[in-house]
């Protein structure tokens, strides 16, 4: 009998993951969060987050129809919430009832 040469493996190893974009050194910086994960991090209801994102009132990313939030989006949401609230122009005073006589 002759010795057969070894066969190459049928499956090739998977390619290495793509390198993060320039300027991103940490995997955490390039992560996208689901609305549930982002809501948990921000400690707000997921419905509030989805409603505001759907109206484009807060920064977010749509991957097709899927809503995602980057760490930069979350930081921008926090920064926007940290701004002081604006005062109302004037307060309306209620009329005092007439004094009893």
C-alpha atoms as a PDB file:
ATOM      1  CA  UNK A   1       0.000   0.000   0.000  1.00  0.00           C
ATOM      2  CA  UNK A   2       1.076   3.482  -0.759  1.00  0.00           C
ATOM      3  CA  UNK A   3       0.941   6.278   1.745  1.00  0.00           C
ATOM      4  CA  UNK A   4      -1.587   8.887   0.747  1.00  0.00           C
ATOM      5  CA  UNK A   5      -0.604  12.537   1.231  1.00  0.00           C
ATOM      6  CA  UNK A   6      -2.566  14.318   3.967  1.00  0.00           C
ATOM      7  CA  UNK A   7      -5.684  16.118   2.765  1.00  0.00           C
ATOM      8  CA  UNK A   8      -6.041  19.811   3.348  1.00  0.00           C
ATOM      9  CA  UNK A   9      -8.840  20.731   5.769  1.00  0.00           C
ATOM     10  CA  UNK A  10     -12.183  21.218   4.065  1.00  0.00           C
ATOM     11  CA  UNK A  11     -13.171  24.268   6.058  1.00  0.00           C
ATOM     12  CA  UNK A  12     -11.028  27.338   6.044  1.00  0.00           C
ATOM     13  CA  UNK A  13     -10.688  29.186   9.346  1.00  0.00           C
ATOM     14  CA  UNK A  14     -12.954  32.223   9.565  1.00  0.00           C
ATOM     15  CA  UNK A  15     -11.378  35.513   8.541  1.00  0.00           C
ATOM     16  CA  UNK A  16     -10.248  37.768  11.367  1.00  0.00           C
ATOM     17  CA  UNK A  17     -12.785  40.377  12.473  1.00  0.00           C
ATOM     18  CA  UNK A  18     -12.487  43.737  10.736  1.00  0.00           C
ATOM     19  CA  UNK A  19     -10.309  46.298  12.403  1.00  0.00           C
ATOM     20  CA  UNK A  20     -12.157  49.067  14.248  1.00  0.00           C
ATOM     21  CA  UNK A  21     -12.431  52.408  12.432  1.00  0.00           C
ATOM     22  CA  UNK A  22      -9.561  54.853  12.777  1.00  0.00           C
ATOM     23  CA  UNK A  23      -9.579  56.606  16.122  1.00  0.00           C
ATOM     24  CA  UNK A  24     -11.314  53.732  17.915  1.00  0.00           C
ATOM     25  CA  UNK A  25      -8.887  51.889  20.123  1.00  0.00           C
ATOM     26  CA  UNK A  26     -11.388  50.284  22.442  1.00  0.00           C
ATOM     27  CA  UNK A  27     -14.045  47.759  21.463  1.00  0.00           C
ATOM     28  CA  UNK A  28     -16.448  49.408  23.910  1.00  0.00           C
ATOM     29  CA  UNK A  29     -16.290  52.668  21.935  1.00  0.00           C
ATOM     30  CA  UNK A  30     -17.537  51.060  18.731  1.00  0.00           C
ATOM     31  CA  UNK A  31     -20.308  48.997  20.299  1.00  0.00           C
ATOM     32  CA  UNK A  32     -23.925  49.547  19.307  1.00  0.00           C
ATOM     33  CA  UNK A  33     -26.565  49.066  21.984  1.00  0.00           C
ATOM     34  CA  UNK A  34     -30.104  47.832  21.490  1.00  0.00           C
ATOM     35  CA  UNK A  35     -32.892  50.085  22.800  1.00  0.00           C
ATOM     36  CA  UNK A  36     -33.318  47.793  25.815  1.00  0.00           C
ATOM     37  CA  UNK A  37     -29.603  47.938  26.653  1.00  0.00           C
ATOM     38  CA  UNK A  38     -29.441  51.703  26.131  1.00  0.00           C
ATOM     39  CA  UNK A  39     -32.544  52.258  28.263  1.00  0.00           C
ATOM     40  CA  UNK A  40     -31.021  50.186  31.055  1.00  0.00           C
ATOM     41  CA  UNK A  41     -27.773  52.177  30.892  1.00  0.00           C
ATOM     42  CA  UNK A  42     -29.630  55.500  30.900  1.00  0.00           C
ATOM     43  CA  UNK A  43     -32.162  54.256  33.467  1.00  0.00           C
ATOM     44  CA  UNK A  44     -35.135  55.420  31.408  1.00  0.00           C
ATOM     45  CA  UNK A  45     -38.106  53.443  30.055  1.00  0.00           C
ATOM     46  CA  UNK A  46     -37.421  51.772  26.731  1.00  0.00           C
ATOM     47  CA  UNK A  47     -40.687  53.216  25.371  1.00  0.00           C
ATOM     48  CA  UNK A  48     -39.444  56.765  26.079  1.00  0.00           C
ATOM     49  CA  UNK A  49     -36.185  56.060  24.283  1.00  0.00           C
ATOM     50  CA  UNK A  50     -37.912  54.525  21.237  1.00  0.00           C
ATOM     51  CA  UNK A  51     -40.467  57.338  21.014  1.00  0.00           C
ATOM     52  CA  UNK A  52     -37.828  60.078  21.187  1.00  0.00           C
ATOM     53  CA  UNK A  53     -35.588  58.287  18.662  1.00  0.00           C
ATOM     54  CA  UNK A  54     -38.512  57.722  16.290  1.00  0.00           C
ATOM     55  CA  UNK A  55     -39.221  61.459  16.318  1.00  0.00           C
ATOM     56  CA  UNK A  56     -35.469  62.118  15.844  1.00  0.00           C
ATOM     57  CA  UNK A  57     -35.319  64.118  19.087  1.00  0.00           C
ATOM     58  CA  UNK A  58     -32.284  62.199  20.297  1.00  0.00           C
ATOM     59  CA  UNK A  59     -29.228  60.888  18.407  1.00  0.00           C
ATOM     60  CA  UNK A  60     -29.512  57.292  17.254  1.00  0.00           C
ATOM     61  CA  UNK A  61     -28.577  54.950  14.421  1.00  0.00           C
ATOM     62  CA  UNK A  62     -30.969  52.994  12.234  1.00  0.00           C
ATOM     63  CA  UNK A  63     -29.573  49.828  10.699  1.00  0.00           C
ATOM     64  CA  UNK A  64     -32.342  49.192   8.231  1.00  0.00           C
ATOM     65  CA  UNK A  65     -35.385  49.138  10.482  1.00  0.00           C
ATOM     66  CA  UNK A  66     -33.388  48.272  13.601  1.00  0.00           C
ATOM     67  CA  UNK A  67     -32.710  51.015  16.121  1.00  0.00           C
ATOM     68  CA  UNK A  68     -29.289  51.127  17.774  1.00  0.00           C
ATOM     69  CA  UNK A  69     -27.370  53.562  19.980  1.00  0.00           C
ATOM     70  CA  UNK A  70     -23.612  54.127  19.966  1.00  0.00           C
ATOM     71  CA  UNK A  71     -21.669  55.238  23.012  1.00  0.00           C
ATOM     72  CA  UNK A  72     -21.403  58.674  21.390  1.00  0.00           C
ATOM     73  CA  UNK A  73     -25.215  58.758  21.042  1.00  0.00           C
ATOM     74  CA  UNK A  74     -25.629  57.893  24.717  1.00  0.00           C
ATOM     75  CA  UNK A  75     -23.101  60.556  25.721  1.00  0.00           C
ATOM     76  CA  UNK A  76     -24.972  63.148  23.626  1.00  0.00           C
ATOM     77  CA  UNK A  77     -28.293  62.190  25.234  1.00  0.00           C
ATOM     78  CA  UNK A  78     -26.756  62.595  28.685  1.00  0.00           C
ATOM     79  CA  UNK A  79     -25.131  65.918  27.752  1.00  0.00           C
ATOM     80  CA  UNK A  80     -28.407  67.279  26.368  1.00  0.00           C
ATOM     81  CA  UNK A  81     -30.218  66.292  29.560  1.00  0.00           C
ATOM     82  CA  UNK A  82     -27.561  68.026  31.674  1.00  0.00           C
ATOM     83  CA  UNK A  83     -28.379  71.426  30.193  1.00  0.00           C
ATOM     84  CA  UNK A  84     -30.372  73.636  32.556  1.00  0.00           C
ATOM     85  CA  UNK A  85     -34.058  73.898  31.869  1.00  0.00           C
ATOM     86  CA  UNK A  86     -35.339  77.149  30.399  1.00  0.00           C
ATOM     87  CA  UNK A  87     -37.589  79.346  32.488  1.00  0.00           C
ATOM     88  CA  UNK A  88     -41.088  80.130  31.483  1.00  0.00           C
ATOM     89  CA  UNK A  89     -41.615  83.652  30.289  1.00  0.00           C
ATOM     90  CA  UNK A  90     -44.216  84.532  32.840  1.00  0.00           C
ATOM     91  CA  UNK A  91     -46.227  82.746  35.417  1.00  0.00           C
ATOM     92  CA  UNK A  92     -49.922  83.216  35.476  1.00  0.00           C
ATOM     93  CA  UNK A  93     -51.218  84.209  38.886  1.00  0.00           C
ATOM     94  CA  UNK A  94     -54.551  82.928  39.958  1.00  0.00           C
ATOM     95  CA  UNK A  95     -57.088  85.484  40.913  1.00  0.00           C
ATOM     96  CA  UNK A  96     -57.654  85.706  44.644  1.00  0.00           C
ATOM     97  CA  UNK A  97     -61.266  85.264  45.746  1.00  0.00           C
ATOM     98  CA  UNK A  98     -62.783  88.426  47.186  1.00  0.00           C
ATOM     99  CA  UNK A  99     -62.339  88.854  50.927  1.00  0.00           C
ATOM    100  CA  UNK A 100     -65.448  88.049  52.983  1.00  0.00           C
ATOM    101  CA  UNK A 101     -67.195  91.098  54.430  1.00  0.00           C
END
